[in-house]
Amino acid sequence: AAGTSSVYLEQGNGDGGRTNASLGG
């Protein structure tokens, strides 16, 4: 949830994880 932890984007294919991103954890 926002405000309780940092969100990290997984690196992949040089896009910084901003495409084909996964939701949840």
mmCIF file of all heavy atoms, coordinates in Angstrom:
data_MODEL
# 
_entry.id   MODEL 
# 
loop_
_atom_site.group_PDB 
_atom_site.id 
_atom_site.type_symbol 
_atom_site.label_atom_id 
_atom_site.label_alt_id 
_atom_site.label_comp_id 
_atom_site.label_asym_id 
_atom_site.label_entity_id 
_atom_site.label_seq_id 
_atom_site.pdbx_PDB_ins_code 
_atom_site.Cartn_x 
_atom_site.Cartn_y 
_atom_site.Cartn_z 
_atom_site.occupancy 
_atom_site.B_iso_or_equiv 
_atom_site.pdbx_formal_charge 
_atom_site.auth_seq_id 
_atom_site.auth_comp_id 
_atom_site.auth_asym_id 
_atom_site.auth_atom_id 
_atom_site.pdbx_PDB_model_num 
ATOM 1   N N   . ALA A 1 1  ? 0.839  -1.203  0.000   1.00 0.00 ? 1  ALA A N   1 
ATOM 2   C CA  . ALA A 1 1  ? 0.000  0.000   0.000   1.00 0.00 ? 1  ALA A CA  1 
ATOM 3   C C   . ALA A 1 1  ? 0.874  1.253   0.000   1.00 0.00 ? 1  ALA A C   1 
ATOM 4   O O   . ALA A 1 1  ? 1.973  1.273   0.522   1.00 0.00 ? 1  ALA A O   1 
ATOM 5   C CB  . ALA A 1 1  ? -0.907 -0.006  1.232   1.00 0.00 ? 1  ALA A CB  1 
ATOM 6   N N   . ALA A 1 2  ? 0.347  2.299   -0.586  1.00 0.00 ? 2  ALA A N   1 
ATOM 7   C CA  . ALA A 1 2  ? 1.090  3.556   -0.668  1.00 0.00 ? 2  ALA A CA  1 
ATOM 8   C C   . ALA A 1 2  ? 1.356  4.090   0.732   1.00 0.00 ? 2  ALA A C   1 
ATOM 9   O O   . ALA A 1 2  ? 0.490  4.066   1.593   1.00 0.00 ? 2  ALA A O   1 
ATOM 10  C CB  . ALA A 1 2  ? 0.285  4.570   -1.476  1.00 0.00 ? 2  ALA A CB  1 
ATOM 11  N N   . GLY A 1 3  ? 2.566  4.578   0.927   1.00 0.00 ? 3  GLY A N   1 
ATOM 12  C CA  . GLY A 1 3  ? 2.893  5.223   2.185   1.00 0.00 ? 3  GLY A CA  1 
ATOM 13  C C   . GLY A 1 3  ? 3.482  4.302   3.230   1.00 0.00 ? 3  GLY A C   1 
ATOM 14  O O   . GLY A 1 3  ? 3.963  4.772   4.247   1.00 0.00 ? 3  GLY A O   1 
ATOM 15  N N   . THR A 1 4  ? 3.461  2.973   2.999   1.00 0.00 ? 4  THR A N   1 
ATOM 16  C CA  . THR A 1 4  ? 4.030  2.077   4.002   1.00 0.00 ? 4  THR A CA  1 
ATOM 17  C C   . THR A 1 4  ? 5.296  1.390   3.533   1.00 0.00 ? 4  THR A C   1 
ATOM 18  O O   . THR A 1 4  ? 6.021  0.820   4.324   1.00 0.00 ? 4  THR A O   1 
ATOM 19  C CB  . THR A 1 4  ? 3.013  0.986   4.403   1.00 0.00 ? 4  THR A CB  1 
ATOM 20  O OG1 . THR A 1 4  ? 2.657  0.232   3.235   1.00 0.00 ? 4  THR A OG1 1 
ATOM 21  C CG2 . THR A 1 4  ? 1.764  1.604   5.000   1.00 0.00 ? 4  THR A CG2 1 
ATOM 22  N N   . SER A 1 5  ? 5.555  1.394   2.223   1.00 0.00 ? 5  SER A N   1 
ATOM 23  C CA  . SER A 1 5  ? 6.775  0.767   1.743   1.00 0.00 ? 5  SER A CA  1 
ATOM 24  C C   . SER A 1 5  ? 7.127  1.314   0.373   1.00 0.00 ? 5  SER A C   1 
ATOM 25  O O   . SER A 1 5  ? 6.285  1.890   -0.313  1.00 0.00 ? 5  SER A O   1 
ATOM 26  C CB  . SER A 1 5  ? 6.600  -0.760  1.662   1.00 0.00 ? 5  SER A CB  1 
ATOM 27  O OG  . SER A 1 5  ? 5.599  -1.083  0.725   1.00 0.00 ? 5  SER A OG  1 
ATOM 28  N N   . SER A 1 6  ? 8.360  1.126   -0.028  1.00 0.00 ? 6  SER A N   1 
ATOM 29  C CA  . SER A 1 6  ? 8.797  1.540   -1.350  1.00 0.00 ? 6  SER A CA  1 
ATOM 30  C C   . SER A 1 6  ? 8.412  0.485   -2.373  1.00 0.00 ? 6  SER A C   1 
ATOM 31  O O   . SER A 1 6  ? 8.372  -0.705  -2.081  1.00 0.00 ? 6  SER A O   1 
ATOM 32  C CB  . SER A 1 6  ? 10.318 1.743   -1.365  1.00 0.00 ? 6  SER A CB  1 
ATOM 33  O OG  . SER A 1 6  ? 10.694 2.750   -0.439  1.00 0.00 ? 6  SER A OG  1 
ATOM 34  N N   . VAL A 1 7  ? 8.126  0.924   -3.586  1.00 0.00 ? 7  VAL A N   1 
ATOM 35  C CA  . VAL A 1 7  ? 7.789  0.022   -4.679  1.00 0.00 ? 7  VAL A CA  1 
ATOM 36  C C   . VAL A 1 7  ? 8.959  0.003   -5.648  1.00 0.00 ? 7  VAL A C   1 
ATOM 37  O O   . VAL A 1 7  ? 9.439  1.060   -6.074  1.00 0.00 ? 7  VAL A O   1 
ATOM 38  C CB  . VAL A 1 7  ? 6.493  0.459   -5.391  1.00 0.00 ? 7  VAL A CB  1 
ATOM 39  C CG1 . VAL A 1 7  ? 6.212  -0.449  -6.576  1.00 0.00 ? 7  VAL A CG1 1 
ATOM 40  C CG2 . VAL A 1 7  ? 5.332  0.433   -4.420  1.00 0.00 ? 7  VAL A CG2 1 
ATOM 41  N N   . TYR A 1 8  ? 9.428  -1.179  -6.000  1.00 0.00 ? 8  TYR A N   1 
ATOM 42  C CA  . TYR A 1 8  ? 10.559 -1.329  -6.901  1.00 0.00 ? 8  TYR A CA  1 
ATOM 43  C C   . TYR A 1 8  ? 10.088 -1.946  -8.201  1.00 0.00 ? 8  TYR A C   1 
ATOM 44  O O   . TYR A 1 8  ? 9.280  -2.870  -8.209  1.00 0.00 ? 8  TYR A O   1 
ATOM 45  C CB  . TYR A 1 8  ? 11.644 -2.214  -6.275  1.00 0.00 ? 8  TYR A CB  1 
ATOM 46  C CG  . TYR A 1 8  ? 12.253 -1.625  -5.028  1.00 0.00 ? 8  TYR A CG  1 
ATOM 47  C CD1 . TYR A 1 8  ? 11.744 -1.946  -3.766  1.00 0.00 ? 8  TYR A CD1 1 
ATOM 48  C CD2 . TYR A 1 8  ? 13.317 -0.745  -5.099  1.00 0.00 ? 8  TYR A CD2 1 
ATOM 49  C CE1 . TYR A 1 8  ? 12.301 -1.404  -2.619  1.00 0.00 ? 8  TYR A CE1 1 
ATOM 50  C CE2 . TYR A 1 8  ? 13.885 -0.203  -3.956  1.00 0.00 ? 8  TYR A CE2 1 
ATOM 51  C CZ  . TYR A 1 8  ? 13.374 -0.539  -2.720  1.00 0.00 ? 8  TYR A CZ  1 
ATOM 52  O OH  . TYR A 1 8  ? 13.909 0.004   -1.578  1.00 0.00 ? 8  TYR A OH  1 
ATOM 53  N N   . LEU A 1 9  ? 10.626 -1.432  -9.326  1.00 0.00 ? 9  LEU A N   1 
ATOM 54  C CA  . LEU A 1 9  ? 10.329 -1.985  -10.630 1.00 0.00 ? 9  LEU A CA  1 
ATOM 55  C C   . LEU A 1 9  ? 11.445 -2.948  -11.016 1.00 0.00 ? 9  LEU A C   1 
ATOM 56  O O   . LEU A 1 9  ? 12.623 -2.605  -10.951 1.00 0.00 ? 9  LEU A O   1 
ATOM 57  C CB  . LEU A 1 9  ? 10.203 -0.878  -11.680 1.00 0.00 ? 9  LEU A CB  1 
ATOM 58  C CG  . LEU A 1 9  ? 9.042  0.103   -11.471 1.00 0.00 ? 9  LEU A CG  1 
ATOM 59  C CD1 . LEU A 1 9  ? 9.119  1.220   -12.514 1.00 0.00 ? 9  LEU A CD1 1 
ATOM 60  C CD2 . LEU A 1 9  ? 7.717  -0.624  -11.571 1.00 0.00 ? 9  LEU A CD2 1 
ATOM 61  N N   . GLU A 1 10 ? 11.047 -4.140  -11.410 1.00 0.00 ? 10 GLU A N   1 
ATOM 62  C CA  . GLU A 1 10 ? 12.032 -5.143  -11.791 1.00 0.00 ? 10 GLU A CA  1 
ATOM 63  C C   . GLU A 1 10 ? 12.657 -4.773  -13.131 1.00 0.00 ? 10 GLU A C   1 
ATOM 64  O O   . GLU A 1 10 ? 11.969 -4.425  -14.090 1.00 0.00 ? 10 GLU A O   1 
ATOM 65  C CB  . GLU A 1 10 ? 11.358 -6.515  -11.881 1.00 0.00 ? 10 GLU A CB  1 
ATOM 66  C CG  . GLU A 1 10 ? 12.322 -7.635  -12.201 1.00 0.00 ? 10 GLU A CG  1 
ATOM 67  C CD  . GLU A 1 10 ? 11.635 -8.975  -12.242 1.00 0.00 ? 10 GLU A CD  1 
ATOM 68  O OE1 . GLU A 1 10 ? 10.421 -9.020  -11.982 1.00 0.00 ? 10 GLU A OE1 1 
ATOM 69  O OE2 . GLU A 1 10 ? 12.306 -9.974  -12.531 1.00 0.00 ? 10 GLU A OE2 1 
ATOM 70  N N   . GLN A 1 11 ? 13.986 -4.834  -13.207 1.00 0.00 ? 11 GLN A N   1 
ATOM 71  C CA  . GLN A 1 11 ? 14.683 -4.490  -14.436 1.00 0.00 ? 11 GLN A CA  1 
ATOM 72  C C   . GLN A 1 11 ? 14.518 -5.611  -15.453 1.00 0.00 ? 11 GLN A C   1 
ATOM 73  O O   . GLN A 1 11 ? 14.566 -6.787  -15.133 1.00 0.00 ? 11 GLN A O   1 
ATOM 74  C CB  . GLN A 1 11 ? 16.169 -4.273  -14.150 1.00 0.00 ? 11 GLN A CB  1 
ATOM 75  C CG  . GLN A 1 11 ? 16.435 -3.176  -13.125 1.00 0.00 ? 11 GLN A CG  1 
ATOM 76  C CD  . GLN A 1 11 ? 15.939 -1.831  -13.600 1.00 0.00 ? 11 GLN A CD  1 
ATOM 77  O OE1 . GLN A 1 11 ? 16.208 -1.440  -14.731 1.00 0.00 ? 11 GLN A OE1 1 
ATOM 78  N NE2 . GLN A 1 11 ? 15.217 -1.124  -12.750 1.00 0.00 ? 11 GLN A NE2 1 
ATOM 79  N N   . GLY A 1 12 ? 14.352 -5.227  -16.719 1.00 0.00 ? 12 GLY A N   1 
ATOM 80  C CA  . GLY A 1 12 ? 14.230 -6.239  -17.756 1.00 0.00 ? 12 GLY A CA  1 
ATOM 81  C C   . GLY A 1 12 ? 14.171 -5.614  -19.125 1.00 0.00 ? 12 GLY A C   1 
ATOM 82  O O   . GLY A 1 12 ? 13.428 -4.654  -19.355 1.00 0.00 ? 12 GLY A O   1 
ATOM 83  N N   . ASN A 1 13 ? 14.945 -6.147  -20.055 1.00 0.00 ? 13 ASN A N   1 
ATOM 84  C CA  . ASN A 1 13 ? 14.933 -5.712  -21.451 1.00 0.00 ? 13 ASN A CA  1 
ATOM 85  C C   . ASN A 1 13 ? 15.210 -4.216  -21.610 1.00 0.00 ? 13 ASN A C   1 
ATOM 86  O O   . ASN A 1 13 ? 14.739 -3.582  -22.553 1.00 0.00 ? 13 ASN A O   1 
ATOM 87  C CB  . ASN A 1 13 ? 13.585 -6.053  -22.108 1.00 0.00 ? 13 ASN A CB  1 
ATOM 88  C CG  . ASN A 1 13 ? 13.303 -7.543  -22.080 1.00 0.00 ? 13 ASN A CG  1 
ATOM 89  O OD1 . ASN A 1 13 ? 14.213 -8.355  -22.256 1.00 0.00 ? 13 ASN A OD1 1 
ATOM 90  N ND2 . ASN A 1 13 ? 12.053 -7.916  -21.836 1.00 0.00 ? 13 ASN A ND2 1 
ATOM 91  N N   . GLY A 1 14 ? 15.937 -3.643  -20.676 1.00 0.00 ? 14 GLY A N   1 
ATOM 92  C CA  . GLY A 1 14 ? 16.314 -2.259  -20.817 1.00 0.00 ? 14 GLY A CA  1 
ATOM 93  C C   . GLY A 1 14 ? 15.189 -1.259  -20.648 1.00 0.00 ? 14 GLY A C   1 
ATOM 94  O O   . GLY A 1 14 ? 15.372 -0.070  -20.930 1.00 0.00 ? 14 GLY A O   1 
ATOM 95  N N   . ASP A 1 15 ? 14.011 -1.715  -20.168 1.00 0.00 ? 15 ASP A N   1 
ATOM 96  C CA  . ASP A 1 15 ? 12.880 -0.792  -20.028 1.00 0.00 ? 15 ASP A CA  1 
ATOM 97  C C   . ASP A 1 15 ? 12.626 -0.404  -18.584 1.00 0.00 ? 15 ASP A C   1 
ATOM 98  O O   . ASP A 1 15 ? 11.613 0.225   -18.281 1.00 0.00 ? 15 ASP A O   1 
ATOM 99  C CB  . ASP A 1 15 ? 11.612 -1.400  -20.631 1.00 0.00 ? 15 ASP A CB  1 
ATOM 100 C CG  . ASP A 1 15 ? 11.196 -2.689  -19.930 1.00 0.00 ? 15 ASP A CG  1 
ATOM 101 O OD1 . ASP A 1 15 ? 11.895 -3.093  -18.973 1.00 0.00 ? 15 ASP A OD1 1 
ATOM 102 O OD2 . ASP A 1 15 ? 10.187 -3.294  -20.335 1.00 0.00 ? 15 ASP A OD2 1 
ATOM 103 N N   . GLY A 1 16 ? 13.530 -0.774  -17.708 1.00 0.00 ? 16 GLY A N   1 
ATOM 104 C CA  . GLY A 1 16 ? 13.335 -0.425  -16.299 1.00 0.00 ? 16 GLY A CA  1 
ATOM 105 C C   . GLY A 1 16 ? 12.148 -1.114  -15.673 1.00 0.00 ? 16 GLY A C   1 
ATOM 106 O O   . GLY A 1 16 ? 11.654 -0.699  -14.627 1.00 0.00 ? 16 GLY A O   1 
ATOM 107 N N   . GLY A 1 17 ? 11.675 -2.181  -16.278 1.00 0.00 ? 17 GLY A N   1 
ATOM 108 C CA  . GLY A 1 17 ? 10.537 -2.904  -15.725 1.00 0.00 ? 17 GLY A CA  1 
ATOM 109 C C   . GLY A 1 17 ? 9.203  -2.227  -15.956 1.00 0.00 ? 17 GLY A C   1 
ATOM 110 O O   . GLY A 1 17 ? 8.203  -2.588  -15.347 1.00 0.00 ? 17 GLY A O   1 
ATOM 111 N N   . ARG A 1 18 ? 9.163  -1.244  -16.858 1.00 0.00 ? 18 ARG A N   1 
ATOM 112 C CA  . ARG A 1 18 ? 7.934  -0.461  -17.045 1.00 0.00 ? 18 ARG A CA  1 
ATOM 113 C C   . ARG A 1 18 ? 6.999  -1.053  -18.085 1.00 0.00 ? 18 ARG A C   1 
ATOM 114 O O   . ARG A 1 18 ? 5.900  -0.557  -18.285 1.00 0.00 ? 18 ARG A O   1 
ATOM 115 C CB  . ARG A 1 18 ? 8.292  0.987   -17.381 1.00 0.00 ? 18 ARG A CB  1 
ATOM 116 C CG  . ARG A 1 18 ? 8.813  1.748   -16.156 1.00 0.00 ? 18 ARG A CG  1 
ATOM 117 C CD  . ARG A 1 18 ? 9.389  3.091   -16.496 1.00 0.00 ? 18 ARG A CD  1 
ATOM 118 N NE  . ARG A 1 18 ? 9.659  3.861   -15.283 1.00 0.00 ? 18 ARG A NE  1 
ATOM 119 C CZ  . ARG A 1 18 ? 10.703 3.678   -14.492 1.00 0.00 ? 18 ARG A CZ  1 
ATOM 120 N NH1 . ARG A 1 18 ? 11.585 2.731   -14.790 1.00 0.00 ? 18 ARG A NH1 1 
ATOM 121 N NH2 . ARG A 1 18 ? 10.879 4.408   -13.406 1.00 0.00 ? 18 ARG A NH2 1 
ATOM 122 N N   . THR A 1 19 ? 7.439  -2.094  -18.794 1.00 0.00 ? 19 THR A N   1 
ATOM 123 C CA  . THR A 1 19 ? 6.543  -2.844  -19.657 1.00 0.00 ? 19 THR A CA  1 
ATOM 124 C C   . THR A 1 19 ? 6.523  -4.285  -19.178 1.00 0.00 ? 19 THR A C   1 
ATOM 125 O O   . THR A 1 19 ? 7.473  -4.771  -18.572 1.00 0.00 ? 19 THR A O   1 
ATOM 126 C CB  . THR A 1 19 ? 7.007  -2.796  -21.125 1.00 0.00 ? 19 THR A CB  1 
ATOM 127 O OG1 . THR A 1 19 ? 8.302  -3.395  -21.220 1.00 0.00 ? 19 THR A OG1 1 
ATOM 128 C CG2 . THR A 1 19 ? 7.057  -1.359  -21.623 1.00 0.00 ? 19 THR A CG2 1 
ATOM 129 N N   . ASN A 1 20 ? 5.429  -4.963  -19.455 1.00 0.00 ? 20 ASN A N   1 
ATOM 130 C CA  . ASN A 1 20 ? 5.235  -6.327  -18.953 1.00 0.00 ? 20 ASN A CA  1 
ATOM 131 C C   . ASN A 1 20 ? 5.400  -6.386  -17.433 1.00 0.00 ? 20 ASN A C   1 
ATOM 132 O O   . ASN A 1 20 ? 5.968  -7.331  -16.879 1.00 0.00 ? 20 ASN A O   1 
ATOM 133 C CB  . ASN A 1 20 ? 6.214  -7.306  -19.604 1.00 0.00 ? 20 ASN A CB  1 
ATOM 134 C CG  . ASN A 1 20 ? 6.000  -7.429  -21.089 1.00 0.00 ? 20 ASN A CG  1 
ATOM 135 O OD1 . ASN A 1 20 ? 4.860  -7.450  -21.548 1.00 0.00 ? 20 ASN A OD1 1 
ATOM 136 N ND2 . ASN A 1 20 ? 7.084  -7.472  -21.858 1.00 0.00 ? 20 ASN A ND2 1 
ATOM 137 N N   . ALA A 1 21 ? 4.944  -5.326  -16.753 1.00 0.00 ? 21 ALA A N   1 
ATOM 138 C CA  . ALA A 1 21 ? 5.068  -5.273  -15.295 1.00 0.00 ? 21 ALA A CA  1 
ATOM 139 C C   . ALA A 1 21 ? 4.089  -6.229  -14.631 1.00 0.00 ? 21 ALA A C   1 
ATOM 140 O O   . ALA A 1 21 ? 3.064  -6.583  -15.201 1.00 0.00 ? 21 ALA A O   1 
ATOM 141 C CB  . ALA A 1 21 ? 4.815  -3.849  -14.798 1.00 0.00 ? 21 ALA A CB  1 
ATOM 142 N N   . SER A 1 22 ? 4.427  -6.674  -13.436 1.00 0.00 ? 22 SER A N   1 
ATOM 143 C CA  . SER A 1 22 ? 3.571  -7.566  -12.660 1.00 0.00 ? 22 SER A CA  1 
ATOM 144 C C   . SER A 1 22 ? 2.914  -6.800  -11.522 1.00 0.00 ? 22 SER A C   1 
ATOM 145 O O   . SER A 1 22 ? 3.514  -5.898  -10.939 1.00 0.00 ? 22 SER A O   1 
ATOM 146 C CB  . SER A 1 22 ? 4.391  -8.728  -12.081 1.00 0.00 ? 22 SER A CB  1 
ATOM 147 O OG  . SER A 1 22 ? 4.969  -9.496  -13.106 1.00 0.00 ? 22 SER A OG  1 
ATOM 148 N N   . LEU A 1 23 ? 1.683  -7.162  -11.222 1.00 0.00 ? 23 LEU A N   1 
ATOM 149 C CA  . LEU A 1 23 ? 0.929  -6.518  -10.154 1.00 0.00 ? 23 LEU A CA  1 
ATOM 150 C C   . LEU A 1 23 ? 0.821  -7.465  -8.967  1.00 0.00 ? 23 LEU A C   1 
ATOM 151 O O   . LEU A 1 23 ? 0.661  -8.665  -9.141  1.00 0.00 ? 23 LEU A O   1 
ATOM 152 C CB  . LEU A 1 23 ? -0.475 -6.142  -10.649 1.00 0.00 ? 23 LEU A CB  1 
ATOM 153 C CG  . LEU A 1 23 ? -1.354 -5.310  -9.713  1.00 0.00 ? 23 LEU A CG  1 
ATOM 154 C CD1 . LEU A 1 23 ? -0.723 -3.941  -9.485  1.00 0.00 ? 23 LEU A CD1 1 
ATOM 155 C CD2 . LEU A 1 23 ? -2.754 -5.160  -10.291 1.00 0.00 ? 23 LEU A CD2 1 
ATOM 156 N N   . GLY A 1 24 ? 0.887  -6.909  -7.755  1.00 0.00 ? 24 GLY A N   1 
ATOM 157 C CA  . GLY A 1 24 ? 0.764  -7.728  -6.559  1.00 0.00 ? 24 GLY A CA  1 
ATOM 158 C C   . GLY A 1 24 ? 2.132  -8.081  -5.984  1.00 0.00 ? 24 GLY A C   1 
ATOM 159 O O   . GLY A 1 24 ? 3.180  -7.757  -6.542  1.00 0.00 ? 24 GLY A O   1 
ATOM 160 N N   . GLY A 1 25 ? 2.099  -8.758  -4.873  1.00 0.00 ? 25 GLY A N   1 
ATOM 161 C CA  . GLY A 1 25 ? 3.341  -9.136  -4.226  1.00 0.00 ? 25 GLY A CA  1 
ATOM 162 C C   . GLY A 1 25 ? 3.071  -9.971  -2.991  1.00 0.00 ? 25 GLY A C   1 
ATOM 163 O O   . GLY A 1 25 ? 1.940  -10.049 -2.508  1.00 0.00 ? 25 GLY A O   1 
# 
